[in-house]
Amino acid sequence: MDTPLDKRKLITPKDREEVLCNSGEEAYEELIIRYDNAVSFLREHFAQATSNSVKGKRYRACYPEIILISHTFGAPDSRLSYGHVSAPGIYSTTVSKPRLFKKYLIEQINLLIENHNVPVFIGTSSTPIAINFTLDHDEDILTNCTQLDFTLRDVFDTPDLNLIHDDIVNGTGFNNEDGSHPLALFTAPRVDYSLARIQHYTATRAEHFQKFVLITNYQLYVDKFEEFARKMLADPNSGYNSFVTAGNHCIQRHQEKINWPGRMPQMPACHLTRANGDGISLINIGVGPSNAKTATDHVAVLRPSAWIMLGHCAGLRNSQSLGDYVLAHAYLREDQVLDEDLPAWVPVPALAEIQIAIENAVAVITEQKGFELKKVMRTGTVVSVDNRNWELGLNSGIAKRLSQSRAIGLDMESATVAANGFRFRVPYGALLCVSDKPLHGVLKLPRMANDFFDTQINNHLAIGILAMASLREKPLEFLHSRKLRSFEETAFL
């Protein structure tokens, strides 16, 4: 029996046949054509719908898709953690905003073609593009949204939460609706959802994000990062070309004034950019594991090369001093926010590539090497909790768990950031700074905190920046460890 929606006149863009592509460059150009046609169609009809009758009409355009058909198991380079499928079959993924992912798409598609010696097909999927994700930042169109005399989802497709999920990254055995296997970790609707959230939470557009992301929970780190950025912009040989702040304000000369937003977003971000996108972004996520999950849930779709947490922690050993560094080598997850996506029994390993970069950076900034480095830094287990006042519950057993786990530091975000890095296959790490020692009577009181902030943040941030600079020199395949990949992985990184 037909439903009222079935009887409506469904208006779609003109069909375009599938195209066979023998290179990532060819495939990228075809993705651009299809995506632009779809978005132009929706925007044009949305603009018309605000002034013309839409009774009995429904408009739909769908995402472009990449399709790989592999007939053999193949013999890919076993050193690579990505770039190949595990078995014969049909693999596909939908794509949104291909311009934003140009380098990524070309690299991943070329690896597929090279490793399997077959072309890829670029076609149009059956997954509708939500009209909300096509409006971007066009103020005229957004203004029209408030003047509609019809219900938006009656005429256009709107976000469908059945299509926005993490089933692929969580390894639940997800297959596409047509039976094909997933080619990438994120579907186009999931990407669009996160791109919108990035703008909302950080007040910067996704195109400003760089490949190396520092995560902190103190505004003072943002202030110090601005000072560093100005020094880099004053140096013509630094390789950095702009500094973008919350509100999408961009400066290219060190003496330019920054117009910070009158009302700061929940998680302000700023970006020290390089021409090829391998600069450094810094996000102040605020306090707590929920914020840490939210930020990394969305930044993950940009496929960063690495993210590192720079935060403060409670030192749990009497031998530690305020200002000492803690390099997380293991994580005790008592944050609880990821338990449904990544069970707490799943080990989250330290990644040697990140650990070495951070330790070397600490040695350079502190001018301590070898055995002497132990005076200012310890490696070990960091526990992340969801209770800021955890000290009040010592009699409930937390002290025993901390001792049994050999924990050396406690915070609220690091394990969440690491666990989401593990889940999303993004190289991760955490370098914390001891700001108090509650178990030993050294509480974080206002005056002590201020003195600590003044003396320690510069060095801590410098270490993070130096670690990222060293990681930048490594090839992508070096950073993306096979430890992050499961039994049956998507070909795309």
Protein backbone atom coordinates (compact mmCIF):
# COMPACT_ATOMS: atom_id res chain seq x y z
CA MET A 1 0.00 0.00 0.00
CA ASP A 2 1.38 3.39 -1.01
CA THR A 3 2.09 5.90 1.73
CA PRO A 4 1.46 9.62 1.29
CA LEU A 5 5.20 10.09 0.77
CA ASP A 6 5.24 7.49 -2.01
CA LYS A 7 2.60 9.50 -3.90
CA ARG A 8 4.62 12.66 -3.83
CA LYS A 9 6.55 13.72 -6.87
CA LEU A 10 10.19 12.90 -6.09
CA ILE A 11 12.45 15.32 -7.93
CA THR A 12 16.13 14.38 -8.27
CA PRO A 13 19.14 15.60 -10.27
CA LYS A 14 19.77 14.18 -13.71
CA ASP A 15 21.29 10.70 -13.56
CA ARG A 16 25.01 10.33 -14.20
CA GLU A 17 26.45 6.93 -15.09
CA GLU A 18 29.16 5.29 -13.03
CA VAL A 19 32.68 6.22 -14.09
CA LEU A 20 35.69 3.89 -14.01
CA CYS A 21 38.82 5.62 -12.69
CA ASN A 22 42.42 4.43 -12.89
CA SER A 23 43.91 6.97 -10.47
CA GLY A 24 43.04 8.79 -7.31
CA GLU A 25 43.23 12.08 -9.17
CA GLU A 26 40.59 10.96 -11.70
CA ALA A 27 38.36 9.64 -8.95
CA TYR A 28 38.66 12.85 -6.96
CA GLU A 29 37.59 15.00 -9.92
CA GLU A 30 34.56 12.81 -10.50
CA LEU A 31 33.62 13.00 -6.82
CA ILE A 32 33.77 16.79 -7.03
CA ILE A 33 31.46 16.87 -10.05
CA ARG A 34 28.87 14.60 -8.46
CA TYR A 35 28.95 16.25 -5.06
CA ASP A 36 28.76 19.77 -6.48
CA ASN A 37 25.86 18.81 -8.72
CA ALA A 38 23.96 17.33 -5.79
CA VAL A 39 24.54 20.27 -3.47
CA SER A 40 23.75 22.85 -6.16
CA PHE A 41 20.51 21.02 -6.90
CA LEU A 42 19.42 21.06 -3.27
CA ARG A 43 20.42 24.64 -2.61
CA GLU A 44 18.73 25.88 -5.76
CA HIS A 45 15.45 24.16 -4.96
CA PHE A 46 15.60 25.20 -1.33
CA ALA A 47 15.95 28.82 -2.39
CA GLN A 48 12.98 28.41 -4.75
CA ALA A 49 10.92 26.65 -2.09
CA THR A 50 10.95 29.73 0.10
CA SER A 51 8.97 31.66 -2.51
CA ASN A 52 7.13 29.00 -4.56
CA SER A 53 4.63 26.31 -3.66
CA VAL A 54 6.13 22.94 -2.80
CA LYS A 55 2.83 21.12 -2.34
CA GLY A 56 3.10 17.50 -3.43
CA LYS A 57 6.84 17.78 -4.15
CA ARG A 58 9.86 16.22 -2.57
CA TYR A 59 13.48 16.94 -3.51
CA ARG A 60 16.34 14.50 -3.05
CA ALA A 61 20.00 14.30 -4.02
CA CYS A 62 22.40 11.60 -2.90
CA TYR A 63 26.06 11.41 -1.95
CA PRO A 64 28.66 10.20 -4.42
CA GLU A 65 30.32 6.91 -3.61
CA ILE A 66 33.55 5.06 -4.23
CA ILE A 67 33.28 1.38 -5.19
CA LEU A 68 36.06 -1.19 -5.27
CA ILE A 69 35.53 -4.71 -6.62
CA SER A 70 38.32 -7.08 -5.62
CA HIS A 71 38.48 -10.61 -7.03
CA THR A 72 41.52 -11.85 -5.13
CA PHE A 73 42.98 -11.89 -1.66
CA GLY A 74 46.06 -10.16 -3.05
CA ALA A 75 49.41 -9.73 -1.35
CA PRO A 76 49.61 -6.19 0.05
CA ASP A 77 52.68 -4.84 1.79
CA SER A 78 52.33 -6.38 5.26
CA ARG A 79 54.09 -3.38 6.81
CA LEU A 80 51.13 -1.13 5.96
CA SER A 81 48.12 -0.97 8.26
CA TYR A 82 45.85 0.44 5.53
CA GLY A 83 45.48 0.74 1.77
CA HIS A 84 44.09 -2.74 1.05
CA VAL A 85 41.03 -4.92 1.64
CA SER A 86 41.29 -8.29 3.34
CA ALA A 87 39.31 -10.50 0.97
CA PRO A 88 37.54 -10.57 -2.40
CA GLY A 89 34.27 -8.70 -2.51
CA ILE A 90 32.56 -5.40 -3.19
CA TYR A 91 33.56 -2.46 -1.00
CA SER A 92 32.12 1.04 -0.99
CA THR A 93 31.88 4.28 0.91
CA THR A 94 29.89 7.45 0.51
CA VAL A 95 31.77 10.77 0.35
CA SER A 96 30.91 14.27 1.49
CA LYS A 97 32.76 17.56 0.94
CA PRO A 98 35.54 15.99 -1.14
CA ARG A 99 37.47 19.27 -1.42
CA LEU A 100 38.10 19.19 2.32
CA PHE A 101 39.59 15.71 1.99
CA LYS A 102 41.42 16.10 -1.33
CA LYS A 103 44.85 14.85 -0.27
CA TYR A 104 43.39 12.07 1.84
CA LEU A 105 41.06 10.79 -0.88
CA ILE A 106 43.70 10.80 -3.61
CA GLU A 107 46.24 8.99 -1.41
CA GLN A 108 43.80 6.33 -0.21
CA ILE A 109 42.35 5.63 -3.65
CA ASN A 110 45.77 5.41 -5.28
CA LEU A 111 46.85 2.88 -2.65
CA LEU A 112 43.80 0.75 -3.43
CA ILE A 113 44.45 0.80 -7.14
CA GLU A 114 48.13 0.04 -6.65
CA ASN A 115 47.68 -2.76 -4.11
CA HIS A 116 44.83 -4.55 -5.91
CA ASN A 117 45.68 -3.70 -9.51
CA VAL A 118 42.07 -2.78 -10.31
CA PRO A 119 40.34 0.52 -11.02
CA VAL A 120 37.69 2.04 -8.78
CA PHE A 121 34.20 3.10 -9.76
CA ILE A 122 32.72 6.45 -8.85
CA GLY A 123 28.95 6.50 -8.79
CA THR A 124 25.99 8.00 -6.98
CA SER A 125 24.78 6.23 -3.86
CA SER A 126 21.23 5.82 -2.58
CA THR A 127 22.07 7.72 0.64
CA PRO A 128 20.27 11.09 0.67
CA ILE A 129 22.10 14.29 1.54
CA ALA A 130 20.36 16.13 4.36
CA ILE A 131 19.52 19.67 3.31
CA ASN A 132 20.90 20.93 6.64
CA PHE A 133 24.40 19.82 5.66
CA THR A 134 24.37 21.77 2.38
CA LEU A 135 23.60 25.20 3.78
CA ASP A 136 27.02 25.66 5.41
CA HIS A 137 27.56 29.28 6.38
CA ASP A 138 25.40 31.01 3.76
CA GLU A 139 23.65 33.66 5.84
CA ASP A 140 21.01 34.43 3.22
CA ILE A 141 19.91 30.82 2.96
CA LEU A 142 20.08 30.30 6.72
CA THR A 143 17.86 33.34 7.22
CA ASN A 144 15.30 31.81 4.86
CA CYS A 145 15.12 28.76 7.13
CA THR A 146 13.26 30.84 9.69
CA GLN A 147 10.67 31.97 7.12
CA LEU A 148 9.47 28.63 5.76
CA ASP A 149 5.72 28.02 5.43
CA PHE A 150 6.23 24.24 5.22
CA THR A 151 7.82 21.55 7.38
CA LEU A 152 11.37 21.11 6.13
CA ARG A 153 11.53 17.33 6.38
CA ASP A 154 8.30 16.97 4.38
CA VAL A 155 10.04 18.41 1.31
CA PHE A 156 13.76 17.74 1.81
CA ASP A 157 15.77 15.02 3.51
CA THR A 158 16.94 15.98 6.99
CA PRO A 159 19.53 14.24 9.20
CA ASP A 160 18.61 10.60 9.80
CA LEU A 161 20.17 9.16 12.95
CA ASN A 162 19.86 5.67 11.46
CA LEU A 163 22.56 6.76 9.00
CA ILE A 164 24.74 8.56 11.56
CA HIS A 165 26.50 5.95 13.66
CA ASP A 166 29.83 4.48 14.72
CA ASP A 167 29.05 0.88 13.83
CA ILE A 168 32.05 0.63 11.52
CA VAL A 169 34.67 1.97 13.94
CA ASN A 170 33.16 -0.05 16.79
CA GLY A 171 33.52 -3.27 14.76
CA THR A 172 29.92 -4.45 15.01
CA GLY A 173 30.01 -6.27 11.66
CA PHE A 174 28.35 -3.43 9.76
CA ASN A 175 27.75 -3.77 6.02
CA ASN A 176 26.28 -1.17 3.69
CA GLU A 177 22.60 -1.33 2.78
CA ASP A 178 23.40 -2.80 -0.64
CA GLY A 179 25.44 -5.59 0.96
CA SER A 180 28.86 -4.15 0.15
CA HIS A 181 31.57 -3.96 2.79
CA PRO A 182 32.62 -0.57 4.18
CA LEU A 183 35.63 1.00 2.53
CA ALA A 184 36.13 3.80 5.08
CA LEU A 185 35.56 4.21 8.82
CA PHE A 186 32.93 6.93 8.45
CA THR A 187 29.94 7.25 6.17
CA ALA A 188 29.23 10.61 4.55
CA PRO A 189 26.29 11.42 6.90
CA ARG A 190 28.53 10.72 9.91
CA VAL A 191 31.20 13.02 8.47
CA ASP A 192 28.71 15.80 7.80
CA TYR A 193 27.31 15.50 11.30
CA SER A 194 30.76 15.89 12.85
CA LEU A 195 31.79 18.75 10.58
CA ALA A 196 28.75 20.67 11.80
CA ARG A 197 29.55 19.80 15.42
CA ILE A 198 33.16 20.95 15.01
CA GLN A 199 32.00 24.40 13.96
CA HIS A 200 29.50 24.48 16.83
CA TYR A 201 31.85 23.44 19.63
CA THR A 202 35.12 25.06 18.53
CA ALA A 203 33.82 28.08 16.58
CA THR A 204 36.26 27.28 13.79
CA ARG A 205 35.46 25.63 10.49
CA ALA A 206 36.83 22.19 9.77
CA GLU A 207 39.05 23.39 6.92
CA HIS A 208 41.24 25.24 9.41
CA PHE A 209 42.12 22.12 11.39
CA GLN A 210 45.66 20.86 10.99
CA LYS A 211 46.91 17.27 10.98
CA PHE A 212 48.53 17.49 14.42
CA VAL A 213 46.17 18.25 17.29
CA LEU A 214 47.05 19.24 20.85
CA ILE A 215 44.25 18.87 23.39
CA THR A 216 44.20 20.75 26.68
CA ASN A 217 41.74 21.80 29.36
CA TYR A 218 43.14 25.19 30.37
CA GLN A 219 42.67 28.53 28.61
CA LEU A 220 46.18 29.57 29.60
CA TYR A 221 47.53 27.06 27.07
CA VAL A 222 45.57 28.85 24.37
CA ASP A 223 47.07 32.18 25.45
CA LYS A 224 50.60 30.75 25.36
CA PHE A 225 49.90 29.12 22.01
CA GLU A 226 48.96 32.52 20.60
CA GLU A 227 52.31 33.91 21.83
CA PHE A 228 54.14 31.05 20.14
CA ALA A 229 52.13 31.52 16.94
CA ARG A 230 53.07 35.19 16.76
CA LYS A 231 56.75 34.28 17.05
CA MET A 232 56.38 31.78 14.22
CA LEU A 233 54.60 34.27 11.98
CA ALA A 234 57.40 36.77 12.61
CA ASP A 235 59.92 34.20 11.34
CA PRO A 236 59.74 33.86 7.53
CA ASN A 237 61.53 30.51 7.74
CA SER A 238 59.21 28.87 10.27
CA GLY A 239 56.99 27.24 7.65
CA TYR A 240 53.83 28.53 9.31
CA ASN A 241 51.67 30.92 7.33
CA SER A 242 48.65 31.89 9.45
CA PHE A 243 47.00 31.69 12.85
CA VAL A 244 43.25 31.06 12.98
CA THR A 245 41.31 31.56 16.19
CA ALA A 246 37.81 30.83 17.43
CA GLY A 247 35.41 32.82 15.31
CA ASN A 248 37.45 31.88 12.20
CA HIS A 249 39.55 35.02 12.57
CA CYS A 250 42.77 34.64 10.61
CA ILE A 251 46.00 36.63 10.98
CA GLN A 252 49.05 36.24 8.76
CA ARG A 253 51.38 38.77 10.37
CA HIS A 254 52.55 38.64 13.94
CA GLN A 255 51.50 42.19 14.80
CA GLU A 256 47.88 41.83 13.67
CA LYS A 257 45.17 42.11 16.29
CA ILE A 258 42.96 39.10 16.96
CA ASN A 259 39.23 39.66 17.27
CA TRP A 260 38.22 36.96 19.72
CA PRO A 261 34.48 36.21 19.83
CA GLY A 262 32.47 38.14 22.39
CA ARG A 263 31.06 34.86 23.60
CA MET A 264 33.57 32.03 23.56
CA PRO A 265 32.45 28.58 22.38
CA GLN A 266 32.40 25.55 24.63
CA MET A 267 35.69 24.22 23.25
CA PRO A 268 37.63 27.06 21.63
CA ALA A 269 40.21 25.99 19.08
CA CYS A 270 43.02 27.78 17.29
CA HIS A 271 45.24 26.67 14.45
CA LEU A 272 48.82 27.46 13.49
CA THR A 273 48.65 26.55 9.84
CA ARG A 274 51.05 25.37 7.19
CA ALA A 275 50.43 25.32 3.46
CA ASN A 276 50.00 21.54 3.29
CA GLY A 277 47.84 21.27 6.41
CA ASP A 278 50.46 19.70 8.68
CA GLY A 279 50.54 22.54 11.18
CA ILE A 280 49.26 22.33 14.75
CA SER A 281 45.74 22.80 16.11
CA LEU A 282 45.04 23.35 19.79
CA ILE A 283 41.64 22.67 21.39
CA ASN A 284 40.70 23.69 24.90
CA ILE A 285 38.13 20.99 25.64
CA GLY A 286 37.38 22.14 29.16
CA VAL A 287 37.09 19.72 32.05
CA GLY A 288 35.81 16.16 32.08
CA PRO A 289 35.68 12.93 30.08
CA SER A 290 32.40 13.83 28.39
CA ASN A 291 34.02 16.86 26.76
CA ALA A 292 37.06 14.77 25.82
CA LYS A 293 34.82 12.25 24.08
CA THR A 294 32.76 14.91 22.35
CA ALA A 295 35.78 16.70 20.89
CA THR A 296 37.57 13.58 19.70
CA ASP A 297 34.37 11.99 18.36
CA HIS A 298 34.15 14.80 15.85
CA VAL A 299 37.79 15.69 15.11
CA ALA A 300 38.37 12.02 14.23
CA VAL A 301 36.50 12.36 10.92
CA LEU A 302 39.25 14.76 9.75
CA ARG A 303 41.72 11.84 10.02
CA PRO A 304 44.44 13.70 11.95
CA SER A 305 47.96 12.30 11.95
CA ALA A 306 48.12 12.40 15.76
CA TRP A 307 46.56 13.94 18.84
CA ILE A 308 48.22 14.47 22.21
CA MET A 309 46.68 15.46 25.53
CA LEU A 310 48.52 18.19 27.46
CA GLY A 311 46.86 18.52 30.84
CA HIS A 312 47.40 18.58 34.56
CA CYS A 313 47.10 15.66 36.91
CA ALA A 314 47.24 14.67 40.52
CA GLY A 315 50.59 13.09 41.33
CA LEU A 316 49.99 9.84 43.19
CA ARG A 317 53.51 9.14 44.44
CA ASN A 318 55.24 10.88 47.32
CA SER A 319 58.44 11.03 45.25
CA GLN A 320 56.79 13.30 42.68
CA SER A 321 57.05 17.07 42.87
CA LEU A 322 54.74 19.77 41.58
CA GLY A 323 55.67 20.50 37.99
CA ASP A 324 56.96 16.98 37.25
CA TYR A 325 55.83 15.39 34.01
CA VAL A 326 53.86 12.19 33.64
CA LEU A 327 54.07 10.35 30.33
CA ALA A 328 51.09 8.01 30.17
CA HIS A 329 52.26 4.51 29.33
CA ALA A 330 49.01 2.77 30.28
CA TYR A 331 45.49 3.91 31.12
CA LEU A 332 43.06 2.89 33.85
CA ARG A 333 39.68 3.88 32.49
CA GLU A 334 37.23 4.96 35.17
CA ASP A 335 35.77 7.71 32.99
CA GLN A 336 32.83 5.46 31.91
CA VAL A 337 31.83 7.57 28.90
CA LEU A 338 33.15 5.08 26.34
CA ASP A 339 32.15 1.84 28.01
CA GLU A 340 29.41 1.08 25.46
CA ASP A 341 31.65 1.83 22.47
CA LEU A 342 34.90 0.37 23.77
CA PRO A 343 34.53 -1.94 26.81
CA ALA A 344 36.82 -1.14 29.72
CA TRP A 345 38.45 -4.57 29.42
CA VAL A 346 39.95 -3.59 26.04
CA PRO A 347 43.62 -2.66 26.59
CA VAL A 348 44.64 0.72 25.18
CA PRO A 349 48.35 0.34 24.37
CA ALA A 350 50.97 3.05 24.38
CA LEU A 351 52.24 3.80 20.87
CA ALA A 352 56.01 3.74 20.65
CA GLU A 353 56.08 6.30 17.84
CA ILE A 354 54.28 8.87 20.00
CA GLN A 355 56.02 7.96 23.26
CA ILE A 356 59.49 8.40 21.79
CA ALA A 357 58.59 11.76 20.27
CA ILE A 358 57.25 13.06 23.58
CA GLU A 359 60.14 11.74 25.67
CA ASN A 360 62.70 13.24 23.31
CA ALA A 361 60.89 16.58 23.43
CA VAL A 362 60.89 16.54 27.24
CA ALA A 363 64.64 15.90 27.18
CA VAL A 364 65.26 18.83 24.86
CA ILE A 365 63.09 21.36 26.71
CA THR A 366 64.19 20.36 30.23
CA GLU A 367 67.83 19.78 29.18
CA GLN A 368 67.78 16.46 31.04
CA LYS A 369 68.91 13.25 29.39
CA GLY A 370 69.12 9.56 30.15
CA PHE A 371 68.88 8.65 33.81
CA GLU A 372 68.71 12.34 34.78
CA LEU A 373 65.40 12.65 32.94
CA LYS A 374 63.81 10.57 35.69
CA LYS A 375 64.17 13.58 38.00
CA VAL A 376 61.47 15.46 36.10
CA MET A 377 59.39 12.78 34.32
CA ARG A 378 57.88 9.40 35.10
CA THR A 379 56.19 6.96 32.75
CA GLY A 380 53.41 4.76 34.02
CA THR A 381 49.68 4.27 34.41
CA VAL A 382 47.38 7.28 34.32
CA VAL A 383 43.87 6.84 35.66
CA SER A 384 41.04 9.01 34.36
CA VAL A 385 37.91 9.41 36.49
CA ASP A 386 34.54 11.04 36.00
CA ASN A 387 34.43 12.55 39.48
CA ARG A 388 36.34 15.79 39.96
CA ASN A 389 36.13 15.38 43.74
CA TRP A 390 37.48 11.85 43.76
CA GLU A 391 39.56 12.67 46.86
CA LEU A 392 36.37 12.62 48.94
CA GLY A 393 35.84 8.95 48.17
CA LEU A 394 39.12 7.47 49.38
CA ASN A 395 37.32 5.34 51.96
CA SER A 396 35.22 3.74 49.21
CA GLY A 397 38.17 1.87 47.72
CA ILE A 398 39.60 4.11 45.02
CA ALA A 399 42.95 4.38 46.82
CA LYS A 400 43.31 0.60 46.71
CA ARG A 401 42.56 0.47 42.99
CA LEU A 402 45.06 3.23 42.32
CA SER A 403 47.75 1.32 44.20
CA GLN A 404 46.95 -2.03 42.58
CA SER A 405 47.11 -0.49 39.10
CA ARG A 406 50.51 1.11 39.87
CA ALA A 407 49.01 4.45 38.81
CA ILE A 408 51.26 7.50 38.99
CA GLY A 409 48.84 10.21 37.86
CA LEU A 410 45.12 10.91 37.88
CA ASP A 411 43.07 13.22 35.67
CA MET A 412 39.69 13.30 33.95
CA GLU A 413 40.49 13.29 30.23
CA SER A 414 43.64 11.43 29.17
CA ALA A 415 42.25 7.90 29.11
CA THR A 416 39.23 9.11 27.17
CA VAL A 417 41.40 10.84 24.58
CA ALA A 418 43.59 7.74 24.28
CA ALA A 419 40.66 5.33 24.12
CA ASN A 420 38.99 7.34 21.37
CA GLY A 421 42.30 7.50 19.52
CA PHE A 422 42.46 3.71 19.73
CA ARG A 423 38.82 3.40 18.64
CA PHE A 424 39.16 5.80 15.72
CA ARG A 425 42.64 4.61 14.66
CA VAL A 426 44.22 8.01 15.40
CA PRO A 427 47.73 7.90 16.98
CA TYR A 428 47.47 9.27 20.52
CA GLY A 429 49.45 10.13 23.62
CA ALA A 430 49.30 12.10 26.85
CA LEU A 431 51.88 14.17 28.69
CA LEU A 432 50.60 15.52 31.99
CA CYS A 433 52.03 17.89 34.54
CA VAL A 434 51.66 17.28 38.28
CA SER A 435 49.65 20.17 39.75
CA ASP A 436 48.74 18.69 43.15
CA LYS A 437 49.24 15.62 45.36
CA PRO A 438 46.00 15.05 47.27
CA LEU A 439 47.07 11.70 48.69
CA HIS A 440 49.98 13.47 50.39
CA GLY A 441 48.25 16.59 51.63
CA VAL A 442 49.30 18.87 48.75
CA LEU A 443 46.00 20.24 47.49
CA LYS A 444 45.53 22.60 44.56
CA LEU A 445 44.84 25.89 46.36
CA PRO A 446 44.38 29.19 44.48
CA ARG A 447 47.76 30.82 45.16
CA MET A 448 49.69 27.60 44.60
CA ALA A 449 47.81 27.02 41.36
CA ASN A 450 48.60 30.49 40.03
CA ASP A 451 52.31 30.16 40.79
CA PHE A 452 52.33 26.75 39.15
CA PHE A 453 50.56 27.98 36.02
CA ASP A 454 52.96 30.88 35.61
CA THR A 455 56.09 28.75 35.75
CA GLN A 456 55.10 25.52 34.03
CA ILE A 457 52.77 26.10 31.10
CA ASN A 458 55.36 27.55 28.72
CA ASN A 459 57.58 24.48 28.99
CA HIS A 460 54.71 22.03 28.85
CA LEU A 461 53.30 23.57 25.69
CA ALA A 462 56.77 23.80 24.14
CA ILE A 463 57.22 20.07 24.69
CA GLY A 464 53.93 19.30 22.96
CA ILE A 465 54.77 21.52 20.00
CA LEU A 466 58.25 20.04 19.64
CA ALA A 467 56.87 16.49 19.80
CA MET A 468 54.40 17.31 17.03
CA ALA A 469 57.13 18.91 14.93
CA SER A 470 59.19 15.72 15.15
CA LEU A 471 56.19 13.56 14.26
CA ARG A 472 55.59 15.76 11.23
CA GLU A 473 58.91 14.59 9.81
CA LYS A 474 57.78 10.96 9.86
CA PRO A 475 55.93 9.37 6.92
CA LEU A 476 52.23 8.69 7.46
CA GLU A 477 52.69 4.93 7.32
CA PHE A 478 55.20 5.19 10.19
CA LEU A 479 52.73 6.96 12.47
CA HIS A 480 49.71 4.78 11.82
CA SER A 481 50.68 1.70 13.75
CA ARG A 482 49.25 -1.73 12.95
CA LYS A 483 48.41 -1.93 16.67
CA LEU A 484 45.41 0.29 15.94
CA ARG A 485 43.90 -2.05 13.35
CA SER A 486 41.55 -4.96 14.06
CA PHE A 487 41.08 -8.31 12.25
CA GLU A 488 38.91 -6.97 9.42
CA GLU A 489 39.71 -3.34 8.73
CA THR A 490 38.54 -0.77 6.23
CA ALA A 491 41.03 -0.03 3.49
CA PHE A 492 40.88 3.69 4.10
CA LEU A 493 42.97 5.05 6.96
